[in-house]
Amino acid sequence: MTKLPQILDKLTRESKPLVEAEKTIKVNESVGQAAFYYEKLRNSLDWQEEHLFLKNAIKRTLKRRIYLKMNQRDTARVLLRDLVWAKYFRNESVPLDYIEEVAAILRKYNYLRHNTVSTCNAPKITEIVLGLVACEIEEFLRPSNAEKDYVELAVNHIKGNLNISEQELSADELEIMLHVGVLREIFKADLDQLRFYLIKIEFPKWPSVAKSDVERFGKNFDAIITQIDHYIFDNVSRKLQRPSRRYMPPFRIIWEIISRRYDREVVLKNEDTLESATIEIIRRKNKSIYSRVLRSIIRGIIFILLTKIILALIIEYPYELRYLGEVNYTALLINILLPPILMLIIGLFIKIPGPRNTKMLVDQVRQIVIEDKFDQPKIFTLRKRVSKLYFLFNALYLFSSIGILALVTWGLIVLKFNLFSIILFFFFVSLVSFLAFRISSIAKELEVRQRDDTVLIGIYNFIFLPFVFIGKILSEQWSNYNLTLWFWDFIIEAPFKTIMSLFESWLSFVREKREDFE
């Protein structure tokens, strides 16, 4: 079993600055400041977890460079410069040698792409490969071997509380699905990161993989990706994730303890200092969760407002004026203002766990660290007992959901919404409902005891779950069909970055000229 001291050792090594080098990537601070604020604005347009910003920025830049057909070295140079511009890394902290290292990674995946035999369409293959290369570049720039070992530690502890029969799930499948669950819950891994993690299980030496293995991956692309996606999306994996989710909070706290600058050796060996550190971390974490919830609500409101206003100006307003002869300002204002107001109201009802939860969490952390065990109520089966009453409730819920959607549609028709305005209303209210649901899950990260639902929460769930369901589907497809983001990335960002590059070159030229006169 992976032990905490091993993880501490790797964390210490990985927490050091990139590397000391004489020649580093240097950018103009003024230009970098403009790029930094642009990046903050761009991130507010796309709903994503904050820890995904770097990986998604890499992926976004690579996607744009593919269309421009730049060679690997130029792409690597521009990518690293953009990341320093946007302040993902400090100015003059990234060695120039990294350009060649990143270019080598790009060449490997370019070779994979050209040797891929697949029934998938070209855009889907490109999307998968781009996700993998973005993860590998992120891992190269910010190593995460300690995270990998910690996942192993958490899986080994959680596995001891499971007694799943071989008929339900084989030992190997259980192991991999638990890895997926821990990555999702503790490190908030997205699809790209989960695929990259599982690729490294399939090819243990993947970062420095042999050319023959790259060819093997390309020739068996469909089979490998299908198997990987089975572990991620399979219903059994989802069923396993739900009950094991309640085991995750103490492992989040322990990760916070060992990844912060405590005297970790002392904290992990002394019960009193461990308890003090745990309570302090829980207090900070609760405060951080509250801040994250607030930031997520604000980002969600900005995301909805910007997207809706852009759609209103580009499509809705011209459509109504041209084809209907008049603009329904009531519908327009409701569609613009209701979703962010709804997000704000829902956010006010989100609560973080209280003192009783803290005490339970402290006991669990002590048990794992001091006693090296984690005894919790065991899970014996993934099968859910389904009674006749369940089928009745399911049917009633289906009909009531249809009824709620129909009632809302009738209300919109009474307010003289046209078909396009009704579609936009459902689109944005559903998206907001799902985003609010996601935000509320942030507040439950440290919840070890499930709270009882109040009558008010029950009513809210009854009314909004149909919208949450629609929003989930829309959110999953949003990045693929979000014309606003496509417009922003290719019509706005590409020329913006070009102008900044030219401006930086001009400033450098002027500085050299000035130095000639000194």
Protein backbone atom coordinates (compact mmCIF):
# COMPACT_ATOMS: atom_id res chain seq x y z
CA MET A 1 0.00 0.00 0.00
CA THR A 2 1.23 3.49 -0.84
CA LYS A 3 2.16 5.30 2.38
CA LEU A 4 1.89 8.97 3.27
CA PRO A 5 5.69 9.45 3.72
CA GLN A 6 6.26 8.46 0.08
CA ILE A 7 3.64 10.98 -1.05
CA LEU A 8 5.18 13.67 1.16
CA ASP A 9 8.57 13.08 -0.42
CA LYS A 10 7.17 13.48 -3.95
CA LEU A 11 5.14 16.54 -2.94
CA THR A 12 8.30 18.19 -1.58
CA ARG A 13 10.11 17.62 -4.86
CA GLU A 14 7.18 18.67 -7.04
CA SER A 15 6.49 21.86 -5.06
CA LYS A 16 9.85 23.34 -6.10
CA PRO A 17 9.92 25.96 -8.90
CA LEU A 18 10.06 24.69 -12.49
CA VAL A 19 13.85 24.57 -12.88
CA GLU A 20 16.57 27.14 -12.64
CA ALA A 21 17.84 28.13 -16.07
CA GLU A 22 19.89 30.94 -17.54
CA LYS A 23 17.57 31.41 -20.51
CA THR A 24 13.85 31.69 -19.83
CA ILE A 25 10.72 32.86 -21.62
CA LYS A 26 10.37 36.59 -21.00
CA VAL A 27 7.31 38.64 -21.94
CA ASN A 28 6.44 42.31 -21.70
CA GLU A 29 4.64 42.90 -18.38
CA SER A 30 2.14 45.39 -19.84
CA VAL A 31 1.17 43.03 -22.66
CA GLY A 32 1.00 40.18 -20.14
CA GLN A 33 -1.38 42.19 -17.96
CA ALA A 34 -3.77 42.66 -20.91
CA ALA A 35 -3.56 38.92 -21.69
CA PHE A 36 -4.21 38.09 -18.03
CA TYR A 37 -7.43 40.12 -17.92
CA TYR A 38 -8.50 38.69 -21.26
CA GLU A 39 -7.99 35.15 -19.89
CA LYS A 40 -10.12 35.93 -16.83
CA LEU A 41 -12.90 37.22 -19.10
CA ARG A 42 -12.60 34.20 -21.42
CA ASN A 43 -12.80 31.76 -18.50
CA SER A 44 -16.00 33.40 -17.31
CA LEU A 45 -17.62 32.56 -20.66
CA ASP A 46 -17.06 28.83 -20.29
CA TRP A 47 -18.42 26.94 -17.28
CA GLN A 48 -15.47 24.99 -15.88
CA GLU A 49 -13.78 24.25 -12.58
CA GLU A 50 -10.93 26.64 -11.73
CA HIS A 51 -8.30 23.88 -11.60
CA LEU A 52 -9.10 23.12 -15.27
CA PHE A 53 -8.16 26.60 -16.49
CA LEU A 54 -4.56 25.72 -17.37
CA LYS A 55 -5.36 22.46 -19.15
CA ASN A 56 -8.21 24.05 -21.10
CA ALA A 57 -6.07 27.07 -22.02
CA ILE A 58 -3.47 24.68 -23.46
CA LYS A 59 -6.15 22.77 -25.36
CA ARG A 60 -7.73 25.97 -26.68
CA THR A 61 -4.41 27.31 -27.99
CA LEU A 62 -3.50 23.98 -29.61
CA LYS A 63 -6.90 23.74 -31.30
CA ARG A 64 -6.42 27.19 -32.83
CA ARG A 65 -2.87 26.38 -33.93
CA ILE A 66 -4.04 23.20 -35.67
CA TYR A 67 -6.26 25.29 -37.92
CA LEU A 68 -3.35 27.65 -38.59
CA LYS A 69 -1.17 24.59 -39.41
CA MET A 70 1.87 25.79 -37.47
CA ASN A 71 4.79 23.40 -36.97
CA GLN A 72 5.34 21.78 -33.58
CA ARG A 73 8.22 23.99 -32.46
CA ASP A 74 6.44 27.25 -33.29
CA THR A 75 3.28 25.95 -31.65
CA ALA A 76 5.23 25.06 -28.49
CA ARG A 77 6.88 28.50 -28.42
CA VAL A 78 3.58 30.35 -28.86
CA LEU A 79 1.81 28.11 -26.34
CA LEU A 80 4.39 28.67 -23.57
CA ARG A 81 4.48 32.40 -24.28
CA ASP A 82 0.66 32.58 -24.08
CA LEU A 83 0.69 30.72 -20.74
CA VAL A 84 3.23 33.18 -19.32
CA TRP A 85 1.23 36.07 -20.76
CA ALA A 86 -1.92 34.82 -19.00
CA LYS A 87 0.10 34.39 -15.74
CA TYR A 88 -0.35 30.65 -15.43
CA PHE A 89 3.42 30.82 -14.86
CA ARG A 90 5.53 33.70 -13.58
CA ASN A 91 7.45 35.78 -16.08
CA GLU A 92 10.98 34.44 -16.62
CA SER A 93 10.21 31.18 -14.79
CA VAL A 94 9.76 28.88 -17.81
CA PRO A 95 13.09 27.71 -19.31
CA LEU A 96 13.56 28.14 -23.06
CA ASP A 97 14.52 24.45 -23.19
CA TYR A 98 10.88 23.63 -22.47
CA ILE A 99 10.01 24.68 -26.03
CA GLU A 100 11.85 21.62 -27.36
CA GLU A 101 10.30 19.36 -24.68
CA VAL A 102 6.76 20.51 -25.49
CA ALA A 103 7.47 20.26 -29.22
CA ALA A 104 8.51 16.62 -28.69
CA ILE A 105 5.18 15.92 -26.95
CA LEU A 106 3.33 17.55 -29.86
CA ARG A 107 5.29 15.46 -32.38
CA LYS A 108 4.36 12.27 -30.51
CA TYR A 109 0.66 13.06 -30.66
CA ASN A 110 0.90 14.23 -34.25
CA TYR A 111 2.41 10.82 -35.05
CA LEU A 112 -0.44 9.16 -33.13
CA ARG A 113 -3.02 11.19 -35.04
CA HIS A 114 -1.56 10.23 -38.40
CA ASN A 115 -1.39 6.54 -37.43
CA THR A 116 -4.90 6.31 -36.00
CA VAL A 117 -7.22 3.78 -37.56
CA SER A 118 -10.75 4.54 -36.40
CA THR A 119 -14.39 4.51 -37.41
CA CYS A 120 -14.86 7.80 -35.51
CA ASN A 121 -15.11 11.00 -37.52
CA ALA A 122 -12.03 13.22 -37.77
CA PRO A 123 -13.30 15.99 -35.40
CA LYS A 124 -13.98 13.44 -32.63
CA ILE A 125 -10.52 11.86 -33.00
CA THR A 126 -8.93 15.32 -32.96
CA GLU A 127 -10.91 16.28 -29.84
CA ILE A 128 -9.80 13.14 -27.97
CA VAL A 129 -6.15 13.52 -29.01
CA LEU A 130 -6.17 17.25 -28.16
CA GLY A 131 -7.49 16.41 -24.68
CA LEU A 132 -4.68 13.89 -24.14
CA VAL A 133 -1.90 16.16 -25.38
CA ALA A 134 -3.18 19.07 -23.25
CA CYS A 135 -3.11 16.83 -20.16
CA GLU A 136 0.42 15.62 -20.91
CA ILE A 137 1.75 19.14 -21.43
CA GLU A 138 0.06 20.26 -18.20
CA GLU A 139 1.61 17.31 -16.36
CA PHE A 140 5.02 18.14 -17.83
CA LEU A 141 4.75 21.75 -16.66
CA ARG A 142 3.15 20.83 -13.31
CA PRO A 143 4.15 17.26 -12.34
CA SER A 144 1.52 15.32 -10.37
CA ASN A 145 3.09 11.99 -9.35
CA ALA A 146 2.17 12.68 -5.73
CA GLU A 147 -1.49 12.95 -6.77
CA LYS A 148 -1.26 9.57 -8.50
CA ASP A 149 0.13 7.94 -5.34
CA TYR A 150 -2.51 9.61 -3.21
CA VAL A 151 -5.25 8.26 -5.46
CA GLU A 152 -3.76 4.80 -4.89
CA LEU A 153 -3.79 5.32 -1.12
CA ALA A 154 -7.42 6.51 -1.09
CA VAL A 155 -8.53 3.62 -3.32
CA ASN A 156 -6.87 1.04 -1.05
CA HIS A 157 -8.63 2.42 2.02
CA ILE A 158 -12.04 2.79 0.36
CA LYS A 159 -11.81 -0.67 -1.21
CA GLY A 160 -11.71 -2.16 2.29
CA ASN A 161 -15.27 -0.92 2.87
CA LEU A 162 -16.61 -2.62 -0.26
CA ASN A 163 -17.66 -6.20 -0.51
CA ILE A 164 -18.87 -6.27 -4.11
CA SER A 165 -19.36 -9.75 -5.57
CA GLU A 166 -17.42 -10.90 -8.64
CA GLN A 167 -20.78 -11.40 -10.38
CA GLU A 168 -21.43 -7.65 -10.15
CA LEU A 169 -17.90 -6.42 -10.86
CA SER A 170 -14.52 -8.10 -11.35
CA ALA A 171 -11.63 -7.14 -9.05
CA ASP A 172 -9.78 -5.35 -11.87
CA GLU A 173 -12.86 -3.40 -12.94
CA LEU A 174 -13.60 -2.42 -9.34
CA GLU A 175 -10.03 -1.18 -8.91
CA ILE A 176 -10.08 0.99 -12.04
CA MET A 177 -13.59 2.36 -11.39
CA LEU A 178 -12.56 3.34 -7.86
CA HIS A 179 -9.57 5.19 -9.33
CA VAL A 180 -11.98 7.04 -11.64
CA GLY A 181 -14.27 7.85 -8.70
CA VAL A 182 -11.44 9.21 -6.51
CA LEU A 183 -10.11 11.33 -9.39
CA ARG A 184 -13.58 12.73 -10.00
CA GLU A 185 -14.40 13.42 -6.37
CA ILE A 186 -11.11 14.54 -4.81
CA PHE A 187 -9.23 16.03 -7.76
CA LYS A 188 -12.30 17.01 -9.85
CA ALA A 189 -10.85 15.40 -12.97
CA ASP A 190 -12.72 16.03 -16.22
CA LEU A 191 -13.13 13.65 -19.17
CA ASP A 192 -9.76 14.56 -20.74
CA GLN A 193 -7.91 13.97 -17.46
CA LEU A 194 -9.70 10.69 -16.76
CA ARG A 195 -8.86 9.41 -20.24
CA PHE A 196 -5.22 10.47 -19.86
CA TYR A 197 -4.99 8.74 -16.47
CA LEU A 198 -6.42 5.51 -17.88
CA ILE A 199 -4.16 5.71 -20.95
CA LYS A 200 -1.21 5.65 -18.53
CA ILE A 201 -2.63 2.47 -16.98
CA GLU A 202 -2.89 0.90 -20.45
CA PHE A 203 0.62 2.17 -21.35
CA PRO A 204 2.56 2.48 -18.04
CA LYS A 205 5.51 4.21 -19.74
CA TRP A 206 3.29 6.55 -21.77
CA PRO A 207 5.07 9.91 -21.27
CA SER A 208 8.29 8.34 -22.64
CA VAL A 209 6.51 5.63 -24.61
CA ALA A 210 8.16 3.75 -27.47
CA LYS A 211 7.20 4.50 -31.05
CA SER A 212 5.80 0.98 -31.44
CA ASP A 213 3.36 1.59 -28.56
CA VAL A 214 2.15 4.82 -30.18
CA GLU A 215 1.51 2.84 -33.36
CA ARG A 216 -0.30 0.12 -31.36
CA PHE A 217 -2.49 2.77 -29.73
CA GLY A 218 -3.30 4.26 -33.15
CA LYS A 219 -4.17 0.90 -34.72
CA ASN A 220 -6.36 -0.09 -31.75
CA PHE A 221 -7.70 3.40 -31.11
CA ASP A 222 -11.41 2.49 -31.12
CA ALA A 223 -11.00 -0.54 -28.84
CA ILE A 224 -8.79 1.31 -26.33
CA ILE A 225 -10.97 4.44 -26.14
CA THR A 226 -14.14 2.31 -25.93
CA GLN A 227 -12.67 0.36 -23.00
CA ILE A 228 -11.54 3.55 -21.26
CA ASP A 229 -14.93 5.22 -21.74
CA HIS A 230 -16.58 2.07 -20.37
CA TYR A 231 -14.80 2.65 -17.05
CA ILE A 232 -15.82 6.33 -17.08
CA PHE A 233 -19.42 6.22 -18.30
CA ASP A 234 -20.64 2.72 -17.47
CA ASN A 235 -23.79 2.61 -15.29
CA VAL A 236 -22.00 0.37 -12.78
CA SER A 237 -19.27 3.01 -12.43
CA ARG A 238 -21.92 5.65 -11.75
CA LYS A 239 -23.66 3.39 -9.22
CA LEU A 240 -20.36 2.75 -7.47
CA GLN A 241 -19.59 6.46 -7.34
CA ARG A 242 -22.79 7.42 -5.48
CA PRO A 243 -22.32 5.37 -2.29
CA SER A 244 -18.51 5.70 -2.22
CA ARG A 245 -18.83 9.50 -2.46
CA ARG A 246 -19.53 9.67 1.28
CA TYR A 247 -16.10 8.12 1.93
CA MET A 248 -14.23 10.96 0.17
CA PRO A 249 -14.30 13.96 2.64
CA PRO A 250 -11.53 12.75 5.02
CA PHE A 251 -9.24 12.08 2.06
CA ARG A 252 -9.86 15.63 0.82
CA ILE A 253 -8.81 16.96 4.23
CA ILE A 254 -5.69 14.77 4.43
CA TRP A 255 -4.66 15.92 0.94
CA GLU A 256 -5.07 19.52 2.05
CA ILE A 257 -2.88 18.85 5.12
CA ILE A 258 -0.04 17.18 3.22
CA SER A 259 -0.13 19.57 0.25
CA ARG A 260 0.10 22.70 2.43
CA ARG A 261 3.24 24.09 4.07
CA TYR A 262 2.74 22.54 7.50
CA ASP A 263 5.41 20.74 9.48
CA ARG A 264 3.83 17.69 7.93
CA GLU A 265 6.00 15.06 9.55
CA VAL A 266 4.97 16.31 13.02
CA VAL A 267 1.30 16.75 12.14
CA LEU A 268 0.95 13.24 10.78
CA LYS A 269 2.58 11.56 13.78
CA ASN A 270 1.06 13.49 16.70
CA GLU A 271 -2.65 13.01 17.41
CA ASP A 272 -3.15 16.44 19.05
CA THR A 273 -1.42 18.40 16.30
CA LEU A 274 -3.27 16.35 13.71
CA GLU A 275 -6.63 17.25 15.30
CA SER A 276 -5.71 20.94 15.47
CA ALA A 277 -4.53 20.93 11.85
CA THR A 278 -7.67 19.05 10.74
CA ILE A 279 -10.02 21.53 12.45
CA GLU A 280 -8.03 24.42 10.99
CA ILE A 281 -8.16 22.90 7.51
CA ILE A 282 -11.91 22.24 7.80
CA ARG A 283 -12.44 25.85 8.89
CA ARG A 284 -10.36 27.14 5.98
CA LYS A 285 -11.92 24.67 3.60
CA ASN A 286 -15.44 25.72 4.62
CA LYS A 287 -14.44 29.34 4.12
CA SER A 288 -12.90 28.43 0.76
CA ILE A 289 -16.00 26.47 -0.23
CA TYR A 290 -18.16 29.47 0.63
CA SER A 291 -15.89 31.68 -1.51
CA ARG A 292 -15.93 29.14 -4.36
CA VAL A 293 -19.72 28.95 -4.22
CA LEU A 294 -19.89 32.77 -4.34
CA ARG A 295 -17.35 32.96 -7.20
CA SER A 296 -19.17 30.19 -9.06
CA ILE A 297 -22.47 32.03 -8.72
CA ILE A 298 -20.89 35.28 -9.96
CA ARG A 299 -19.15 33.47 -12.84
CA GLY A 300 -22.41 31.68 -13.65
CA ILE A 301 -24.30 34.98 -13.74
CA ILE A 302 -21.64 36.58 -15.98
CA PHE A 303 -21.60 33.47 -18.19
CA ILE A 304 -25.41 33.51 -18.59
CA LEU A 305 -25.65 37.29 -19.07
CA LEU A 306 -22.87 37.53 -21.64
CA THR A 307 -24.05 34.51 -23.60
CA LYS A 308 -27.69 35.60 -23.52
CA ILE A 309 -26.97 39.22 -24.45
CA ILE A 310 -24.74 38.12 -27.34
CA LEU A 311 -27.44 35.72 -28.60
CA ALA A 312 -30.12 38.41 -28.15
CA LEU A 313 -28.14 40.96 -30.17
CA ILE A 314 -27.00 38.55 -32.89
CA ILE A 315 -30.05 36.29 -33.30
CA GLU A 316 -33.14 36.98 -31.16
CA TYR A 317 -33.57 40.73 -31.71
CA PRO A 318 -32.93 40.66 -35.52
CA TYR A 319 -35.13 37.53 -35.87
CA GLU A 320 -38.14 39.14 -34.15
CA LEU A 321 -37.68 42.43 -35.99
CA ARG A 322 -37.37 40.80 -39.42
CA TYR A 323 -39.85 37.90 -39.26
CA LEU A 324 -42.36 39.03 -36.62
CA GLY A 325 -42.33 42.75 -37.32
CA GLU A 326 -41.93 43.72 -33.65
CA VAL A 327 -39.80 42.90 -30.62
CA ASN A 328 -41.41 41.43 -27.49
CA TYR A 329 -39.37 43.37 -24.93
CA THR A 330 -41.12 41.59 -22.05
CA ALA A 331 -39.93 38.20 -23.31
CA LEU A 332 -36.48 39.63 -24.07
CA LEU A 333 -36.06 41.05 -20.56
CA ILE A 334 -37.39 37.90 -18.86
CA ASN A 335 -34.97 35.76 -20.85
CA ILE A 336 -32.05 38.06 -19.99
CA LEU A 337 -32.80 38.78 -16.32
CA LEU A 338 -34.60 35.68 -14.97
CA PRO A 339 -31.73 33.13 -15.30
CA PRO A 340 -29.13 35.21 -13.35
CA ILE A 341 -31.74 36.20 -10.72
CA LEU A 342 -32.68 32.53 -10.38
CA MET A 343 -29.01 31.62 -9.97
CA LEU A 344 -28.64 34.24 -7.23
CA ILE A 345 -31.76 33.07 -5.34
CA ILE A 346 -30.72 29.41 -5.45
CA GLY A 347 -27.24 30.38 -4.29
CA LEU A 348 -28.65 32.04 -1.16
CA PHE A 349 -30.08 28.70 0.01
CA ILE A 350 -26.79 26.79 -0.30
CA LYS A 351 -25.36 25.89 3.14
CA ILE A 352 -22.10 24.30 4.23
CA PRO A 353 -21.99 21.47 6.86
CA GLY A 354 -21.95 22.40 10.57
CA PRO A 355 -20.06 21.44 13.80
CA ARG A 356 -21.48 17.92 14.04
CA ASN A 357 -20.10 17.15 10.61
CA THR A 358 -16.71 18.61 11.63
CA LYS A 359 -16.46 16.26 14.63
CA MET A 360 -17.22 13.19 12.49
CA LEU A 361 -14.67 14.32 9.92
CA VAL A 362 -11.94 14.82 12.53
CA ASP A 363 -12.54 11.26 13.81
CA GLN A 364 -12.28 9.83 10.30
CA VAL A 365 -9.05 11.71 9.53
CA ARG A 366 -7.49 10.50 12.80
CA GLN A 367 -8.51 6.92 12.03
CA ILE A 368 -6.88 6.99 8.57
CA VAL A 369 -3.65 8.78 9.54
CA ILE A 370 -2.96 7.44 13.04
CA GLU A 371 -4.51 3.97 12.86
CA ASP A 372 -3.98 3.41 9.11
CA LYS A 373 -7.51 2.07 8.72
CA PHE A 374 -10.87 3.37 7.57
CA ASP A 375 -13.79 1.38 9.00
CA GLN A 376 -17.12 2.66 7.70
CA PRO A 377 -20.50 1.07 6.96
CA LYS A 378 -19.76 -1.46 4.24
CA ILE A 379 -21.30 -1.58 0.78
CA PHE A 380 -22.24 -5.12 -0.19
CA THR A 381 -24.11 -4.64 -3.43
CA LEU A 382 -24.55 -2.17 -6.26
CA ARG A 383 -27.97 -3.54 -7.13
CA LYS A 384 -30.86 -1.40 -6.06
CA ARG A 385 -33.93 -3.14 -4.72
CA VAL A 386 -36.81 -2.04 -6.88
CA SER A 387 -40.31 -2.38 -5.47
CA LYS A 388 -43.65 -1.92 -7.23
CA LEU A 389 -43.99 1.35 -5.33
CA TYR A 390 -40.77 2.58 -6.98
CA PHE A 391 -42.26 2.02 -10.44
CA LEU A 392 -45.40 3.87 -9.37
CA PHE A 393 -43.39 6.82 -8.05
CA ASN A 394 -41.26 6.81 -11.20
CA ALA A 395 -44.37 7.00 -13.39
CA LEU A 396 -45.86 9.78 -11.23
CA TYR A 397 -42.60 11.72 -11.38
CA LEU A 398 -42.45 11.36 -15.18
CA PHE A 399 -45.99 12.64 -15.62
CA SER A 400 -45.51 15.46 -13.10
CA SER A 401 -42.31 16.55 -14.87
CA ILE A 402 -44.11 16.67 -18.21
CA GLY A 403 -46.93 18.58 -16.48
CA ILE A 404 -44.49 21.16 -15.01
CA LEU A 405 -42.84 21.72 -18.40
CA ALA A 406 -46.25 22.00 -20.09
CA LEU A 407 -47.50 24.47 -17.45
CA VAL A 408 -44.42 26.67 -17.88
CA THR A 409 -44.84 26.55 -21.67
CA TRP A 410 -48.49 27.61 -21.34
CA GLY A 411 -47.44 30.52 -19.09
CA LEU A 412 -44.89 31.68 -21.66
CA ILE A 413 -47.48 31.52 -24.44
CA VAL A 414 -49.82 33.67 -22.30
CA LEU A 415 -46.96 36.21 -22.01
CA LYS A 416 -46.81 36.13 -25.85
CA PHE A 417 -43.42 34.44 -26.11
CA ASN A 418 -42.73 33.26 -29.66
CA LEU A 419 -41.32 29.80 -30.38
CA PHE A 420 -37.72 31.02 -30.49
CA SER A 421 -38.09 32.90 -27.16
CA ILE A 422 -39.64 29.80 -25.53
CA ILE A 423 -36.71 27.66 -26.68
CA LEU A 424 -34.22 30.21 -25.29
CA PHE A 425 -36.16 30.38 -21.98
CA PHE A 426 -35.97 26.61 -21.49
CA PHE A 427 -32.36 26.58 -22.65
CA PHE A 428 -31.13 29.16 -20.14
CA VAL A 429 -33.36 28.22 -17.19
CA SER A 430 -32.32 24.57 -17.61
CA LEU A 431 -28.65 25.54 -17.86
CA VAL A 432 -28.93 27.72 -14.75
CA SER A 433 -30.73 24.94 -12.84
CA PHE A 434 -27.97 22.47 -13.66
CA LEU A 435 -25.19 24.96 -12.88
CA ALA A 436 -26.87 25.76 -9.54
CA PHE A 437 -27.08 22.01 -8.86
CA ARG A 438 -23.34 21.72 -9.62
CA ILE A 439 -22.57 24.68 -7.34
CA SER A 440 -24.59 23.16 -4.50
CA SER A 441 -22.47 19.99 -4.80
CA ILE A 442 -19.38 22.14 -4.02
CA ALA A 443 -20.92 22.92 -0.61
CA LYS A 444 -21.25 19.17 0.08
CA GLU A 445 -17.57 18.33 -0.49
CA LEU A 446 -16.94 17.83 3.23
CA GLU A 447 -20.33 16.35 4.09
CA VAL A 448 -19.93 12.94 5.73
CA ARG A 449 -23.49 12.69 6.99
CA GLN A 450 -26.30 13.25 4.54
CA ARG A 451 -28.66 16.00 5.68
CA ASP A 452 -32.41 15.47 5.72
CA ASP A 453 -34.27 17.41 3.06
CA THR A 454 -36.68 20.10 4.26
CA VAL A 455 -40.13 20.59 2.76
CA LEU A 456 -38.80 23.63 0.89
CA ILE A 457 -35.94 21.60 -0.62
CA GLY A 458 -38.43 18.88 -1.57
CA ILE A 459 -40.62 21.41 -3.42
CA TYR A 460 -37.56 22.89 -5.13
CA ASN A 461 -36.41 19.43 -6.27
CA PHE A 462 -39.88 18.58 -7.52
CA ILE A 463 -40.13 21.74 -9.63
CA PHE A 464 -36.56 22.11 -10.88
CA LEU A 465 -35.32 18.53 -11.40
CA PRO A 466 -36.88 18.37 -14.90
CA PHE A 467 -34.93 21.53 -15.76
CA VAL A 468 -31.78 20.08 -14.14
CA PHE A 469 -32.13 16.97 -16.32
CA ILE A 470 -32.44 19.09 -19.49
CA GLY A 471 -29.59 21.33 -18.32
CA LYS A 472 -27.31 18.33 -17.79
CA ILE A 473 -27.83 17.22 -21.39
CA LEU A 474 -27.29 20.77 -22.67
CA SER A 475 -24.19 21.25 -20.53
CA GLU A 476 -22.61 18.03 -21.81
CA GLN A 477 -23.06 19.21 -25.39
CA TRP A 478 -22.43 22.91 -24.72
CA SER A 479 -18.71 23.00 -25.51
CA ASN A 480 -19.29 21.16 -28.81
CA TYR A 481 -22.00 23.48 -30.11
CA ASN A 482 -21.29 26.74 -28.26
CA LEU A 483 -21.08 29.21 -31.15
CA THR A 484 -20.34 32.02 -28.70
CA LEU A 485 -17.14 30.29 -27.56
CA TRP A 486 -16.19 29.41 -31.14
CA PHE A 487 -16.69 33.05 -32.15
CA TRP A 488 -14.68 34.24 -29.14
CA ASP A 489 -11.77 31.78 -29.68
CA PHE A 490 -11.37 32.14 -33.42
CA ILE A 491 -12.76 35.58 -34.32
CA ILE A 492 -11.71 37.51 -31.20
CA GLU A 493 -8.87 35.64 -29.46
CA ALA A 494 -6.80 34.80 -32.54
CA PRO A 495 -6.44 38.42 -33.80
CA PHE A 496 -6.17 39.70 -30.20
CA LYS A 497 -3.18 37.44 -29.51
CA THR A 498 -1.66 38.37 -32.91
CA ILE A 499 -1.99 42.09 -32.14
CA MET A 500 -0.43 41.57 -28.70
CA SER A 501 2.46 39.64 -30.24
CA LEU A 502 3.08 42.41 -32.78
CA PHE A 503 2.82 45.05 -30.06
CA GLU A 504 5.32 43.19 -27.88
CA SER A 505 7.71 42.89 -30.84
CA TRP A 506 7.32 46.61 -31.53
CA LEU A 507 8.10 47.50 -27.90
CA SER A 508 11.16 45.27 -28.02
CA PHE A 509 12.29 46.97 -31.26
CA VAL A 510 11.81 50.46 -29.76
CA ARG A 511 13.76 49.44 -26.64
CA GLU A 512 16.68 48.24 -28.80
CA LYS A 513 16.64 51.50 -30.75
CA ARG A 514 16.66 53.50 -27.52
CA GLU A 515 19.60 51.46 -26.24
CA ASP A 516 21.53 52.38 -29.41
CA PHE A 517 21.46 56.01 -28.29
CA GLU A 518 22.54 55.33 -24.72
